[in-house]
């Protein structure tokens, strides 16, 4: 599969709405995205847990594993690398990662979708 990045950046919320080490869900063009703010930066991944199919990753436990920023699914606790979307517990399992930035104090996301 090829990854396609949409051209458009979507303004989601002020940076101040993202608490450190907490997730927030956002609906962007019909796609549920989990947004995270850590000491290392901002991250955006698909909100759908690929193991269970539930849209819950924004409610996951934010942490790190060997210096890698992570989120653990609140259901079965699989851990995902926030930088890549890869599951650190189940090889071959991953979540989509989206581009995220802060511009003029506003969080913006650009969707990446599999083609």
N, C-alpha and C. Protein backbone atom coordinates (compact mmCIF):
# COMPACT_ATOMS: atom_id res chain seq x y z
N UNK A 1 0.82 -1.19 0.00
CA UNK A 1 0.00 0.00 0.00
C UNK A 1 0.87 1.25 0.00
N UNK A 2 0.41 2.26 -0.68
CA UNK A 2 1.10 3.54 -0.70
C UNK A 2 0.43 4.48 0.28
N UNK A 3 1.24 5.32 0.92
CA UNK A 3 0.71 6.32 1.82
C UNK A 3 0.53 7.62 1.06
N UNK A 4 -0.62 8.23 1.21
CA UNK A 4 -0.92 9.50 0.56
C UNK A 4 -1.10 10.55 1.64
N UNK A 5 -0.40 11.66 1.49
CA UNK A 5 -0.56 12.77 2.43
C UNK A 5 -1.46 13.81 1.78
N UNK A 6 -2.48 14.23 2.49
CA UNK A 6 -3.35 15.26 1.95
C UNK A 6 -2.59 16.59 1.95
N UNK A 7 -2.95 17.45 1.04
CA UNK A 7 -2.26 18.72 0.89
C UNK A 7 -2.63 19.68 2.02
N UNK A 8 -3.83 19.60 2.47
CA UNK A 8 -4.38 20.59 3.39
C UNK A 8 -4.04 20.31 4.86
N UNK A 9 -3.62 21.35 5.55
CA UNK A 9 -3.45 21.30 7.00
C UNK A 9 -4.79 21.72 7.62
N UNK A 10 -5.23 20.98 8.63
CA UNK A 10 -6.49 21.26 9.32
C UNK A 10 -6.18 21.85 10.70
N UNK A 11 -6.72 23.01 11.00
CA UNK A 11 -6.57 23.59 12.32
C UNK A 11 -7.50 22.84 13.27
N UNK A 12 -6.94 22.33 14.37
CA UNK A 12 -7.70 21.49 15.29
C UNK A 12 -8.06 22.22 16.58
N UNK A 13 -7.07 22.84 17.23
CA UNK A 13 -7.32 23.49 18.52
C UNK A 13 -6.10 24.31 18.91
N UNK A 14 -6.27 25.19 19.91
CA UNK A 14 -5.09 25.88 20.46
C UNK A 14 -4.18 24.87 21.16
N UNK A 15 -2.88 25.11 21.11
CA UNK A 15 -1.92 24.22 21.78
C UNK A 15 -2.25 24.09 23.26
N UNK A 16 -2.74 25.14 23.87
CA UNK A 16 -3.05 25.13 25.30
C UNK A 16 -4.13 24.11 25.67
N UNK A 17 -4.90 23.64 24.69
CA UNK A 17 -5.94 22.63 24.95
C UNK A 17 -5.38 21.22 25.08
N UNK A 18 -4.12 21.03 24.67
CA UNK A 18 -3.49 19.71 24.78
C UNK A 18 -2.66 19.65 26.05
N UNK A 19 -3.13 18.87 27.01
CA UNK A 19 -2.39 18.71 28.26
C UNK A 19 -1.18 17.81 28.02
N UNK A 20 -0.11 18.08 28.73
CA UNK A 20 1.10 17.28 28.64
C UNK A 20 0.81 15.83 29.04
N UNK A 21 1.25 14.89 28.22
CA UNK A 21 1.12 13.45 28.47
C UNK A 21 -0.32 12.96 28.58
N UNK A 22 -1.21 13.62 27.86
CA UNK A 22 -2.62 13.19 27.77
C UNK A 22 -3.02 13.19 26.31
N UNK A 23 -3.94 12.32 25.97
CA UNK A 23 -4.43 12.26 24.60
C UNK A 23 -5.76 12.98 24.45
N UNK A 24 -6.02 13.41 23.22
CA UNK A 24 -7.28 14.07 22.87
C UNK A 24 -7.71 13.51 21.52
N UNK A 25 -8.98 13.20 21.38
CA UNK A 25 -9.50 12.73 20.09
C UNK A 25 -10.02 13.91 19.28
N UNK A 26 -9.80 13.85 17.98
CA UNK A 26 -10.31 14.88 17.07
C UNK A 26 -10.87 14.18 15.83
N UNK A 27 -11.93 14.74 15.28
CA UNK A 27 -12.51 14.23 14.05
C UNK A 27 -12.12 15.19 12.93
N UNK A 28 -11.33 14.69 11.99
CA UNK A 28 -10.80 15.51 10.90
C UNK A 28 -11.20 14.88 9.58
N UNK A 29 -12.03 15.56 8.82
CA UNK A 29 -12.52 15.03 7.54
C UNK A 29 -13.05 13.61 7.68
N UNK A 30 -13.75 13.32 8.76
CA UNK A 30 -14.34 12.00 8.99
C UNK A 30 -13.38 10.96 9.53
N UNK A 31 -12.15 11.35 9.84
CA UNK A 31 -11.14 10.44 10.37
C UNK A 31 -10.91 10.75 11.84
N UNK A 32 -11.00 9.73 12.69
CA UNK A 32 -10.73 9.92 14.12
C UNK A 32 -9.22 9.86 14.35
N UNK A 33 -8.69 10.93 14.91
CA UNK A 33 -7.26 11.07 15.14
C UNK A 33 -7.02 11.27 16.64
N UNK A 34 -5.98 10.62 17.16
CA UNK A 34 -5.58 10.80 18.56
C UNK A 34 -4.38 11.74 18.57
N UNK A 35 -4.49 12.83 19.31
CA UNK A 35 -3.44 13.84 19.40
C UNK A 35 -2.77 13.74 20.77
N UNK A 36 -1.44 13.87 20.78
CA UNK A 36 -0.69 13.79 22.03
C UNK A 36 0.35 14.90 22.07
N UNK A 37 0.53 15.44 23.28
CA UNK A 37 1.59 16.41 23.54
C UNK A 37 2.46 15.84 24.64
N UNK A 38 3.73 15.65 24.33
CA UNK A 38 4.69 15.14 25.32
C UNK A 38 5.83 16.14 25.44
N UNK A 39 6.75 15.86 26.34
CA UNK A 39 7.92 16.73 26.48
C UNK A 39 8.75 16.71 25.20
N UNK A 40 8.61 15.65 24.40
CA UNK A 40 9.37 15.52 23.14
C UNK A 40 8.70 16.21 21.96
N UNK A 41 7.41 16.53 22.07
CA UNK A 41 6.73 17.18 20.95
C UNK A 41 5.29 16.78 20.80
N UNK A 42 4.76 17.00 19.60
CA UNK A 42 3.37 16.69 19.27
C UNK A 42 3.32 15.46 18.37
N UNK A 43 2.28 14.64 18.57
CA UNK A 43 2.11 13.42 17.79
C UNK A 43 0.64 13.26 17.42
N UNK A 44 0.41 12.69 16.25
CA UNK A 44 -0.95 12.41 15.80
C UNK A 44 -0.97 11.02 15.17
N UNK A 45 -1.82 10.15 15.71
CA UNK A 45 -1.98 8.80 15.17
C UNK A 45 -3.47 8.50 15.03
N UNK A 46 -3.76 7.45 14.30
CA UNK A 46 -5.14 7.00 14.18
C UNK A 46 -5.67 6.66 15.57
N UNK A 47 -6.91 6.99 15.85
CA UNK A 47 -7.50 6.72 17.17
C UNK A 47 -7.95 5.27 17.31
N UNK A 48 -8.05 4.55 16.21
CA UNK A 48 -8.54 3.16 16.22
C UNK A 48 -7.44 2.20 16.66
N UNK A 49 -7.73 1.42 17.69
CA UNK A 49 -6.83 0.37 18.15
C UNK A 49 -6.94 -0.79 17.16
N UNK A 50 -5.87 -1.13 16.45
CA UNK A 50 -5.96 -2.18 15.44
C UNK A 50 -6.21 -3.58 16.02
N UNK A 51 -5.91 -3.78 17.28
CA UNK A 51 -6.11 -5.10 17.91
C UNK A 51 -7.59 -5.34 18.20
N UNK A 52 -8.29 -4.33 18.70
CA UNK A 52 -9.69 -4.51 19.09
C UNK A 52 -10.68 -3.86 18.13
N UNK A 53 -10.21 -2.90 17.33
CA UNK A 53 -11.10 -2.17 16.44
C UNK A 53 -11.84 -1.03 17.12
N UNK A 54 -11.58 -0.82 18.40
CA UNK A 54 -12.24 0.26 19.15
C UNK A 54 -11.46 1.57 18.99
N UNK A 55 -12.18 2.66 18.96
CA UNK A 55 -11.58 3.99 18.82
C UNK A 55 -11.25 4.54 20.21
N UNK A 56 -10.09 4.13 20.75
CA UNK A 56 -9.77 4.41 22.15
C UNK A 56 -8.34 4.89 22.41
N UNK A 57 -7.49 4.94 21.40
CA UNK A 57 -6.09 5.24 21.67
C UNK A 57 -5.87 6.61 22.30
N UNK A 58 -6.77 7.55 22.02
CA UNK A 58 -6.63 8.88 22.65
C UNK A 58 -6.77 8.81 24.16
N UNK A 59 -7.37 7.74 24.67
CA UNK A 59 -7.53 7.56 26.12
C UNK A 59 -6.45 6.64 26.70
N UNK A 60 -5.43 6.35 25.89
CA UNK A 60 -4.37 5.45 26.32
C UNK A 60 -3.42 6.09 27.31
N UNK A 61 -2.51 5.27 27.80
CA UNK A 61 -1.53 5.69 28.80
C UNK A 61 -0.26 6.14 28.08
N UNK A 62 0.08 7.42 28.22
CA UNK A 62 1.26 7.99 27.56
C UNK A 62 2.49 7.72 28.42
N UNK A 63 3.57 7.31 27.76
CA UNK A 63 4.80 7.03 28.48
C UNK A 63 5.96 6.96 27.52
N UNK A 64 6.95 6.15 27.88
CA UNK A 64 8.09 5.94 26.98
C UNK A 64 8.67 4.56 27.25
N UNK A 65 9.32 4.04 26.23
CA UNK A 65 10.01 2.76 26.35
C UNK A 65 11.38 2.94 25.71
N UNK A 66 12.43 2.83 26.52
CA UNK A 66 13.80 3.04 26.07
C UNK A 66 13.96 4.37 25.33
N UNK A 67 13.34 5.41 25.87
CA UNK A 67 13.46 6.74 25.30
C UNK A 67 12.52 7.04 24.13
N UNK A 68 11.69 6.07 23.78
CA UNK A 68 10.75 6.23 22.67
C UNK A 68 9.40 6.67 23.24
N UNK A 69 8.83 7.79 22.76
CA UNK A 69 7.50 8.21 23.26
C UNK A 69 6.44 7.21 22.81
N UNK A 70 5.58 6.80 23.74
CA UNK A 70 4.61 5.74 23.45
C UNK A 70 3.23 6.06 24.02
N UNK A 71 2.26 5.29 23.52
CA UNK A 71 0.93 5.25 24.13
C UNK A 71 0.53 3.78 24.22
N UNK A 72 -0.02 3.40 25.37
CA UNK A 72 -0.51 2.04 25.58
C UNK A 72 -2.03 2.04 25.43
N UNK A 73 -2.54 1.11 24.65
CA UNK A 73 -3.98 1.01 24.48
C UNK A 73 -4.64 0.81 25.84
N UNK A 74 -5.74 1.51 26.10
CA UNK A 74 -6.41 1.34 27.40
C UNK A 74 -7.13 -0.01 27.52
N UNK A 75 -7.25 -0.75 26.44
CA UNK A 75 -7.97 -2.03 26.50
C UNK A 75 -7.06 -3.20 26.83
N UNK A 76 -6.15 -3.53 25.93
CA UNK A 76 -5.27 -4.70 26.16
C UNK A 76 -3.82 -4.32 26.38
N UNK A 77 -3.55 -3.02 26.46
CA UNK A 77 -2.24 -2.46 26.85
C UNK A 77 -1.12 -2.67 25.82
N UNK A 78 -1.44 -2.93 24.54
CA UNK A 78 -0.39 -2.95 23.54
C UNK A 78 0.19 -1.55 23.45
N UNK A 79 1.50 -1.46 23.28
CA UNK A 79 2.19 -0.18 23.29
C UNK A 79 2.59 0.21 21.86
N UNK A 80 2.29 1.46 21.50
CA UNK A 80 2.57 1.98 20.16
C UNK A 80 3.58 3.11 20.23
N UNK A 81 4.53 3.11 19.30
CA UNK A 81 5.51 4.18 19.16
C UNK A 81 4.78 5.38 18.57
N UNK A 82 4.77 6.49 19.27
CA UNK A 82 4.07 7.68 18.79
C UNK A 82 4.74 8.30 17.56
N UNK A 83 6.02 8.04 17.36
CA UNK A 83 6.74 8.60 16.21
C UNK A 83 6.42 7.87 14.91
N UNK A 84 6.23 6.54 15.00
CA UNK A 84 6.07 5.73 13.79
C UNK A 84 4.71 5.06 13.67
N UNK A 85 4.01 4.88 14.80
CA UNK A 85 2.75 4.14 14.80
C UNK A 85 2.92 2.65 14.98
N UNK A 86 4.16 2.16 15.00
CA UNK A 86 4.42 0.73 15.13
C UNK A 86 4.08 0.22 16.53
N UNK A 87 3.49 -0.97 16.60
CA UNK A 87 3.23 -1.62 17.88
C UNK A 87 4.53 -2.25 18.36
N UNK A 88 4.94 -1.93 19.58
CA UNK A 88 6.19 -2.46 20.12
C UNK A 88 6.02 -3.85 20.71
N UNK A 89 4.79 -4.30 20.84
CA UNK A 89 4.51 -5.61 21.43
C UNK A 89 4.12 -6.67 20.42
N UNK A 90 3.59 -6.26 19.28
CA UNK A 90 3.12 -7.19 18.26
C UNK A 90 3.72 -6.81 16.91
N UNK A 91 4.77 -7.51 16.48
CA UNK A 91 5.40 -7.19 15.19
C UNK A 91 4.38 -7.22 14.05
N UNK A 92 4.49 -6.25 13.16
CA UNK A 92 3.60 -6.19 12.01
C UNK A 92 2.31 -5.44 12.25
N UNK A 93 2.02 -5.06 13.49
CA UNK A 93 0.81 -4.31 13.82
C UNK A 93 1.20 -2.84 13.95
N UNK A 94 0.38 -1.95 13.37
CA UNK A 94 0.68 -0.53 13.48
C UNK A 94 -0.59 0.29 13.31
N UNK A 95 -0.49 1.54 13.67
CA UNK A 95 -1.57 2.50 13.45
C UNK A 95 -1.04 3.57 12.50
N UNK A 96 -1.96 4.18 11.75
CA UNK A 96 -1.55 5.25 10.84
C UNK A 96 -1.05 6.44 11.64
N UNK A 97 -0.03 7.08 11.13
CA UNK A 97 0.55 8.27 11.74
C UNK A 97 0.22 9.45 10.83
N UNK A 98 -0.09 10.57 11.43
CA UNK A 98 -0.42 11.78 10.67
C UNK A 98 0.57 12.87 11.01
N UNK A 99 0.73 13.82 10.12
CA UNK A 99 1.63 14.95 10.37
C UNK A 99 0.93 15.94 11.30
N UNK A 100 1.72 16.53 12.19
CA UNK A 100 1.16 17.48 13.15
C UNK A 100 2.18 18.58 13.38
N UNK A 101 1.68 19.78 13.59
CA UNK A 101 2.56 20.91 13.88
C UNK A 101 1.79 21.94 14.70
N UNK A 102 2.55 22.86 15.30
CA UNK A 102 1.95 24.00 15.98
C UNK A 102 2.36 25.23 15.20
N UNK A 103 1.37 25.99 14.78
CA UNK A 103 1.62 27.20 14.00
C UNK A 103 0.84 28.34 14.63
N UNK A 104 1.54 29.37 15.06
CA UNK A 104 0.92 30.54 15.69
C UNK A 104 0.03 30.13 16.87
N UNK A 105 0.50 29.14 17.66
CA UNK A 105 -0.24 28.71 18.83
C UNK A 105 -1.40 27.78 18.57
N UNK A 106 -1.61 27.41 17.29
CA UNK A 106 -2.71 26.50 16.92
C UNK A 106 -2.14 25.16 16.45
N UNK A 107 -2.76 24.08 16.89
CA UNK A 107 -2.36 22.74 16.46
C UNK A 107 -3.00 22.45 15.12
N UNK A 108 -2.18 21.99 14.18
CA UNK A 108 -2.66 21.66 12.84
C UNK A 108 -2.25 20.23 12.50
N UNK A 109 -3.15 19.54 11.78
CA UNK A 109 -2.90 18.15 11.39
C UNK A 109 -3.10 18.01 9.89
N UNK A 110 -2.21 17.26 9.27
CA UNK A 110 -2.35 16.89 7.87
C UNK A 110 -2.46 15.38 7.80
N UNK A 111 -3.58 14.89 7.29
CA UNK A 111 -3.87 13.47 7.26
C UNK A 111 -2.98 12.72 6.28
N UNK A 112 -2.62 11.50 6.69
CA UNK A 112 -1.92 10.55 5.81
C UNK A 112 -2.82 9.34 5.73
N UNK A 113 -3.13 8.90 4.54
CA UNK A 113 -4.02 7.76 4.37
C UNK A 113 -3.41 6.74 3.43
N UNK A 114 -3.71 5.46 3.69
CA UNK A 114 -3.24 4.39 2.81
C UNK A 114 -4.03 4.42 1.54
N UNK A 115 -3.35 4.22 0.42
CA UNK A 115 -4.03 4.21 -0.88
C UNK A 115 -4.26 2.80 -1.33
